[in-house]
């Protein structure tokens, strides 16, 4: 049974180590993933930003394949819309030699608050997303 506790006792202290501040800056500039036009807007751009076996878990709890995500992004590109979001609380943790976990909070349209996590991998072709997850905290 879970017992209600004070938030300061349940929330982890997420402080990015000083030696990862450059990585944190690079990766936080890429989030929210696949919504930064400066990194590309075409399907080919999105393919370059993700590994071949990329997948995500949406805020709904559903799993989505890379193919589905790419198809959905392509479909949305035909209907221009304003993408209103704010990011904060970025944290970066090294998972392996060239692999990092980036977490943050995303507020969309000043209503939908989610916690986000992306696993990023650095390689010869630059940064590629391996996995992404969103979890709803608050939805108006």
Protein backbone atom coordinates (compact mmCIF):
# COMPACT_ATOMS: atom_id res chain seq x y z
CA UNK A 1 0.00 0.00 0.00
CA UNK A 2 1.29 3.46 -0.92
CA UNK A 3 1.24 6.07 1.79
CA UNK A 4 0.78 9.76 0.92
CA UNK A 5 3.98 11.67 1.65
CA UNK A 6 5.14 15.24 1.41
CA UNK A 7 6.25 16.13 -2.17
CA UNK A 8 9.77 16.96 -0.99
CA UNK A 9 10.09 13.36 0.19
CA UNK A 10 8.73 11.73 -2.97
CA UNK A 11 10.28 13.86 -5.72
CA UNK A 12 13.80 12.87 -6.79
CA UNK A 13 16.50 15.53 -6.73
CA UNK A 14 17.44 15.76 -10.41
CA UNK A 15 20.62 17.74 -10.87
CA UNK A 16 22.62 17.19 -14.04
CA UNK A 17 26.31 16.61 -13.27
CA UNK A 18 28.55 19.50 -14.35
CA UNK A 19 30.42 17.29 -16.85
CA UNK A 20 27.14 16.69 -18.74
CA UNK A 21 26.08 20.34 -19.08
CA UNK A 22 27.20 20.52 -22.74
CA UNK A 23 25.22 17.36 -23.55
CA UNK A 24 22.25 18.75 -21.61
CA UNK A 25 22.35 21.95 -23.68
CA UNK A 26 22.56 20.05 -26.99
CA UNK A 27 19.75 17.64 -26.16
CA UNK A 28 17.39 20.11 -24.50
CA UNK A 29 17.61 22.23 -27.68
CA UNK A 30 16.14 19.21 -29.56
CA UNK A 31 13.08 18.82 -27.35
CA UNK A 32 10.23 18.38 -27.64
CA UNK A 33 11.46 15.71 -29.98
CA UNK A 34 10.29 16.01 -33.60
CA UNK A 35 8.77 19.45 -32.93
CA UNK A 36 11.82 21.62 -33.59
CA UNK A 37 11.70 22.93 -37.17
CA UNK A 38 15.34 24.02 -36.99
CA UNK A 39 16.26 20.30 -37.00
CA UNK A 40 14.00 19.50 -39.93
CA UNK A 41 10.39 19.10 -40.92
CA UNK A 42 10.40 16.40 -43.59
CA UNK A 43 10.00 12.68 -43.18
CA UNK A 44 13.65 12.23 -44.22
CA UNK A 45 14.69 14.67 -41.47
CA UNK A 46 12.68 12.73 -38.87
CA UNK A 47 14.19 9.47 -40.10
CA UNK A 48 17.68 10.94 -39.59
CA UNK A 49 16.73 11.97 -36.02
CA UNK A 50 15.69 8.47 -34.94
CA UNK A 51 17.33 5.03 -34.89
CA UNK A 52 15.72 2.38 -37.10
CA UNK A 53 14.11 0.59 -34.16
CA UNK A 54 12.91 3.78 -32.43
CA UNK A 55 9.60 3.51 -30.60
CA UNK A 56 7.66 5.52 -28.10
CA UNK A 57 5.13 5.16 -25.35
CA UNK A 58 2.55 7.90 -25.67
CA UNK A 59 0.81 9.72 -22.84
CA UNK A 60 -2.10 7.33 -23.45
CA UNK A 61 0.11 4.39 -22.50
CA UNK A 62 0.04 3.03 -26.05
CA UNK A 63 3.23 1.95 -27.81
CA UNK A 64 3.97 3.46 -31.21
CA UNK A 65 6.43 2.18 -33.80
CA UNK A 66 8.81 4.42 -35.68
CA UNK A 67 6.78 3.82 -38.84
CA UNK A 68 3.56 4.96 -37.13
CA UNK A 69 5.24 8.07 -35.67
CA UNK A 70 6.73 9.02 -39.05
CA UNK A 71 3.39 8.46 -40.80
CA UNK A 72 1.60 10.61 -38.21
CA UNK A 73 4.15 13.43 -38.48
CA UNK A 74 3.83 13.36 -42.26
CA UNK A 75 0.03 13.45 -42.02
CA UNK A 76 0.15 16.43 -39.64
CA UNK A 77 2.47 18.33 -41.97
CA UNK A 78 -0.39 18.61 -44.48
CA UNK A 79 -2.51 20.52 -41.94
CA UNK A 80 -0.57 23.54 -40.69
CA UNK A 81 -1.21 24.29 -37.03
CA UNK A 82 0.28 26.35 -34.25
CA UNK A 83 2.44 24.27 -31.92
CA UNK A 84 2.28 25.99 -28.52
CA UNK A 85 4.52 24.51 -25.85
CA UNK A 86 6.89 25.33 -23.02
CA UNK A 87 9.65 23.11 -21.66
CA UNK A 88 11.35 23.16 -18.27
CA UNK A 89 13.08 21.05 -15.61
CA UNK A 90 15.57 19.41 -17.96
CA UNK A 91 17.78 16.67 -16.52
CA UNK A 92 20.42 14.58 -18.27
CA UNK A 93 21.94 11.29 -17.15
CA UNK A 94 24.56 9.19 -18.91
CA UNK A 95 23.34 5.63 -19.55
CA UNK A 96 26.30 4.35 -21.55
CA UNK A 97 29.34 5.48 -23.50
CA UNK A 98 27.33 7.48 -26.07
CA UNK A 99 23.81 7.09 -24.67
CA UNK A 100 21.91 9.56 -22.48
CA UNK A 101 18.53 9.89 -20.80
CA UNK A 102 16.97 13.35 -21.04
CA UNK A 103 13.89 14.10 -18.95
CA UNK A 104 11.82 17.28 -18.81
CA UNK A 105 8.38 18.74 -18.26
CA UNK A 106 6.27 19.89 -21.21
CA UNK A 107 3.29 22.24 -21.06
CA UNK A 108 1.22 22.18 -24.26
CA UNK A 109 -1.29 24.89 -25.13
CA UNK A 110 -1.01 26.14 -21.51
CA UNK A 111 -3.23 23.20 -20.47
CA UNK A 112 -1.68 19.77 -20.86
CA UNK A 113 1.22 19.07 -18.51
CA UNK A 114 3.35 15.99 -19.21
CA UNK A 115 6.63 14.52 -18.04
CA UNK A 116 8.83 13.46 -20.95
CA UNK A 117 11.79 11.14 -21.30
CA UNK A 118 13.94 10.54 -24.38
CA UNK A 119 16.89 8.21 -24.70
CA UNK A 120 19.44 9.76 -27.06
CA UNK A 121 22.45 8.18 -28.74
CA UNK A 122 25.39 10.05 -30.22
CA UNK A 123 27.10 8.64 -33.29
CA UNK A 124 28.84 9.48 -36.55
CA UNK A 125 25.57 10.92 -37.94
CA UNK A 126 24.90 13.05 -34.86
CA UNK A 127 22.18 12.68 -32.22
CA UNK A 128 19.47 10.08 -32.74
CA UNK A 129 16.50 9.31 -30.52
CA UNK A 130 16.23 5.68 -29.44
CA UNK A 131 13.07 5.86 -27.31
CA UNK A 132 10.59 8.49 -26.12
CA UNK A 133 7.84 8.50 -23.51
CA UNK A 134 5.26 11.00 -22.33
CA UNK A 135 3.23 10.73 -19.13
CA UNK A 136 0.30 13.02 -18.38
CA UNK A 137 0.54 14.93 -15.11
CA UNK A 138 -2.41 17.25 -15.71
CA UNK A 139 -4.88 17.63 -18.53
CA UNK A 140 -7.49 20.37 -18.53
